[in-house]
């Protein structure tokens, strides 16, 4: 068993690959989300060793969706086409309305039960 490899790529050095079809489908979903809601903003999430670059769209009421994109440049281009503001999530964080949406949704799923 070899522990170190010479001259080759190391495992995990590249984010998981996303197929063109999946990216195109994701962009259609994001476009649909953005055009059917008010006050939508885009938040770019950088690629990690586990995931590709993603973009989170957050509506004015806090509802949100996340999809993979090819790279940060593609996320910015998408936001420009949709004419929505775009931010880097790692720099500015997420808005409070997103956390409030998650809290309300969790309460609805619990059905008001006490834990």
C-alpha atoms as a PDB file:
ATOM      1  CA  UNK A   1       0.000   0.000   0.000  1.00  0.00           C
ATOM      2  CA  UNK A   2       1.452   3.324  -1.056  1.00  0.00           C
ATOM      3  CA  UNK A   3       0.892   6.239   1.265  1.00  0.00           C
ATOM      4  CA  UNK A   4       2.394   8.942  -0.907  1.00  0.00           C
ATOM      5  CA  UNK A   5       2.205   9.370  -4.644  1.00  0.00           C
ATOM      6  CA  UNK A   6       4.663  11.274  -6.730  1.00  0.00           C
ATOM      7  CA  UNK A   7       3.698  13.689  -9.439  1.00  0.00           C
ATOM      8  CA  UNK A   8      -0.007  12.962  -9.508  1.00  0.00           C
ATOM      9  CA  UNK A   9      -3.111  14.603  -8.217  1.00  0.00           C
ATOM     10  CA  UNK A  10      -3.887  13.896  -4.618  1.00  0.00           C
ATOM     11  CA  UNK A  11      -7.262  12.561  -3.606  1.00  0.00           C
ATOM     12  CA  UNK A  12      -9.719  15.169  -2.473  1.00  0.00           C
ATOM     13  CA  UNK A  13      -7.742  18.014  -4.014  1.00  0.00           C
ATOM     14  CA  UNK A  14     -10.544  18.831  -6.428  1.00  0.00           C
ATOM     15  CA  UNK A  15     -14.152  19.537  -5.494  1.00  0.00           C
ATOM     16  CA  UNK A  16     -16.698  16.986  -6.599  1.00  0.00           C
ATOM     17  CA  UNK A  17     -17.542  17.337 -10.254  1.00  0.00           C
ATOM     18  CA  UNK A  18     -20.890  18.514 -11.415  1.00  0.00           C
ATOM     19  CA  UNK A  19     -22.195  17.491 -14.805  1.00  0.00           C
ATOM     20  CA  UNK A  20     -23.302  20.090 -17.324  1.00  0.00           C
ATOM     21  CA  UNK A  21     -26.842  18.733 -17.263  1.00  0.00           C
ATOM     22  CA  UNK A  22     -27.039  19.076 -13.500  1.00  0.00           C
ATOM     23  CA  UNK A  23     -25.700  22.634 -13.665  1.00  0.00           C
ATOM     24  CA  UNK A  24     -28.174  23.589 -16.406  1.00  0.00           C
ATOM     25  CA  UNK A  25     -31.052  22.075 -14.416  1.00  0.00           C
ATOM     26  CA  UNK A  26     -29.863  23.919 -11.315  1.00  0.00           C
ATOM     27  CA  UNK A  27     -29.717  27.220 -13.172  1.00  0.00           C
ATOM     28  CA  UNK A  28     -33.273  26.706 -14.453  1.00  0.00           C
ATOM     29  CA  UNK A  29     -34.406  26.065 -10.873  1.00  0.00           C
ATOM     30  CA  UNK A  30     -32.604  29.182  -9.626  1.00  0.00           C
ATOM     31  CA  UNK A  31     -34.093  31.289 -12.403  1.00  0.00           C
ATOM     32  CA  UNK A  32     -37.579  30.003 -11.600  1.00  0.00           C
ATOM     33  CA  UNK A  33     -37.061  30.715  -7.894  1.00  0.00           C
ATOM     34  CA  UNK A  34     -35.773  34.249  -8.551  1.00  0.00           C
ATOM     35  CA  UNK A  35     -38.570  35.191 -10.928  1.00  0.00           C
ATOM     36  CA  UNK A  36     -41.362  33.864  -8.707  1.00  0.00           C
ATOM     37  CA  UNK A  37     -40.304  35.616  -5.489  1.00  0.00           C
ATOM     38  CA  UNK A  38     -39.632  39.179  -4.377  1.00  0.00           C
ATOM     39  CA  UNK A  39     -36.438  40.664  -2.985  1.00  0.00           C
ATOM     40  CA  UNK A  40     -34.153  37.796  -4.041  1.00  0.00           C
ATOM     41  CA  UNK A  41     -30.403  38.035  -3.401  1.00  0.00           C
ATOM     42  CA  UNK A  42     -27.630  35.620  -4.409  1.00  0.00           C
ATOM     43  CA  UNK A  43     -24.933  34.348  -2.015  1.00  0.00           C
ATOM     44  CA  UNK A  44     -21.966  32.531  -3.540  1.00  0.00           C
ATOM     45  CA  UNK A  45     -20.544  29.684  -1.454  1.00  0.00           C
ATOM     46  CA  UNK A  46     -16.960  28.755  -2.355  1.00  0.00           C
ATOM     47  CA  UNK A  47     -15.932  25.284  -3.436  1.00  0.00           C
ATOM     48  CA  UNK A  48     -14.541  23.007  -0.745  1.00  0.00           C
ATOM     49  CA  UNK A  49     -12.756  19.694  -0.901  1.00  0.00           C
ATOM     50  CA  UNK A  50     -16.165  18.040  -0.649  1.00  0.00           C
ATOM     51  CA  UNK A  51     -18.507  20.254  -2.700  1.00  0.00           C
ATOM     52  CA  UNK A  52     -18.400  22.358  -5.833  1.00  0.00           C
ATOM     53  CA  UNK A  53     -19.208  26.065  -5.835  1.00  0.00           C
ATOM     54  CA  UNK A  54     -22.836  26.686  -4.921  1.00  0.00           C
ATOM     55  CA  UNK A  55     -25.128  29.679  -4.962  1.00  0.00           C
ATOM     56  CA  UNK A  56     -27.894  30.290  -2.444  1.00  0.00           C
ATOM     57  CA  UNK A  57     -30.820  32.472  -3.484  1.00  0.00           C
ATOM     58  CA  UNK A  58     -32.640  34.063  -0.567  1.00  0.00           C
ATOM     59  CA  UNK A  59     -36.016  35.731  -1.050  1.00  0.00           C
ATOM     60  CA  UNK A  60     -37.210  38.766   0.852  1.00  0.00           C
ATOM     61  CA  UNK A  61     -39.229  36.596   3.245  1.00  0.00           C
ATOM     62  CA  UNK A  62     -36.222  34.358   3.998  1.00  0.00           C
ATOM     63  CA  UNK A  63     -37.191  31.392   1.814  1.00  0.00           C
ATOM     64  CA  UNK A  64     -34.080  30.030   0.168  1.00  0.00           C
ATOM     65  CA  UNK A  65     -32.715  27.479  -2.259  1.00  0.00           C
ATOM     66  CA  UNK A  66     -29.203  26.230  -3.070  1.00  0.00           C
ATOM     67  CA  UNK A  67     -27.776  24.763  -6.268  1.00  0.00           C
ATOM     68  CA  UNK A  68     -24.354  23.953  -7.668  1.00  0.00           C
ATOM     69  CA  UNK A  69     -22.830  26.205 -10.299  1.00  0.00           C
ATOM     70  CA  UNK A  70     -19.758  25.768 -12.469  1.00  0.00           C
ATOM     71  CA  UNK A  71     -17.698  28.385 -10.614  1.00  0.00           C
ATOM     72  CA  UNK A  72     -18.011  31.788  -8.895  1.00  0.00           C
ATOM     73  CA  UNK A  73     -17.861  33.575 -12.247  1.00  0.00           C
ATOM     74  CA  UNK A  74     -20.891  31.585 -13.447  1.00  0.00           C
ATOM     75  CA  UNK A  75     -22.757  32.480 -10.238  1.00  0.00           C
ATOM     76  CA  UNK A  76     -22.053  36.167 -10.797  1.00  0.00           C
ATOM     77  CA  UNK A  77     -23.153  35.911 -14.432  1.00  0.00           C
ATOM     78  CA  UNK A  78     -26.395  34.227 -13.343  1.00  0.00           C
ATOM     79  CA  UNK A  79     -27.091  36.968 -10.794  1.00  0.00           C
ATOM     80  CA  UNK A  80     -26.384  39.597 -13.435  1.00  0.00           C
ATOM     81  CA  UNK A  81     -28.807  37.931 -15.888  1.00  0.00           C
ATOM     82  CA  UNK A  82     -31.442  37.760 -13.146  1.00  0.00           C
ATOM     83  CA  UNK A  83     -30.665  41.355 -12.132  1.00  0.00           C
ATOM     84  CA  UNK A  84     -30.300  40.510  -8.466  1.00  0.00           C
ATOM     85  CA  UNK A  85     -27.611  41.552  -5.965  1.00  0.00           C
ATOM     86  CA  UNK A  86     -24.816  39.045  -5.388  1.00  0.00           C
ATOM     87  CA  UNK A  87     -22.623  38.595  -2.323  1.00  0.00           C
ATOM     88  CA  UNK A  88     -19.885  36.236  -1.186  1.00  0.00           C
ATOM     89  CA  UNK A  89     -21.298  34.228   1.707  1.00  0.00           C
ATOM     90  CA  UNK A  90     -17.851  33.682   3.218  1.00  0.00           C
ATOM     91  CA  UNK A  91     -17.383  37.457   3.465  1.00  0.00           C
ATOM     92  CA  UNK A  92     -20.799  38.816   4.453  1.00  0.00           C
ATOM     93  CA  UNK A  93     -22.542  35.769   5.929  1.00  0.00           C
ATOM     94  CA  UNK A  94     -26.261  35.078   5.508  1.00  0.00           C
ATOM     95  CA  UNK A  95     -29.102  37.456   6.349  1.00  0.00           C
ATOM     96  CA  UNK A  96     -31.115  37.022   9.524  1.00  0.00           C
ATOM     97  CA  UNK A  97     -34.289  36.441   7.517  1.00  0.00           C
ATOM     98  CA  UNK A  98     -32.848  33.124   6.296  1.00  0.00           C
ATOM     99  CA  UNK A  99     -32.311  31.906   9.859  1.00  0.00           C
ATOM    100  CA  UNK A 100     -35.832  33.023  10.795  1.00  0.00           C
ATOM    101  CA  UNK A 101     -37.247  31.108   7.811  1.00  0.00           C
ATOM    102  CA  UNK A 102     -35.393  27.971   8.920  1.00  0.00           C
ATOM    103  CA  UNK A 103     -36.696  28.362  12.471  1.00  0.00           C
ATOM    104  CA  UNK A 104     -40.322  28.820  11.299  1.00  0.00           C
ATOM    105  CA  UNK A 105     -40.041  25.854   8.949  1.00  0.00           C
ATOM    106  CA  UNK A 106     -38.624  23.626  11.720  1.00  0.00           C
ATOM    107  CA  UNK A 107     -41.485  24.659  14.014  1.00  0.00           C
ATOM    108  CA  UNK A 108     -44.028  23.807  11.312  1.00  0.00           C
ATOM    109  CA  UNK A 109     -42.444  20.415  10.718  1.00  0.00           C
ATOM    110  CA  UNK A 110     -42.568  19.639  14.431  1.00  0.00           C
ATOM    111  CA  UNK A 111     -46.213  20.659  14.406  1.00  0.00           C
ATOM    112  CA  UNK A 112     -45.787  22.710  17.539  1.00  0.00           C
ATOM    113  CA  UNK A 113     -44.692  19.661  19.569  1.00  0.00           C
ATOM    114  CA  UNK A 114     -42.470  20.210  22.579  1.00  0.00           C
ATOM    115  CA  UNK A 115     -39.243  18.276  22.473  1.00  0.00           C
END
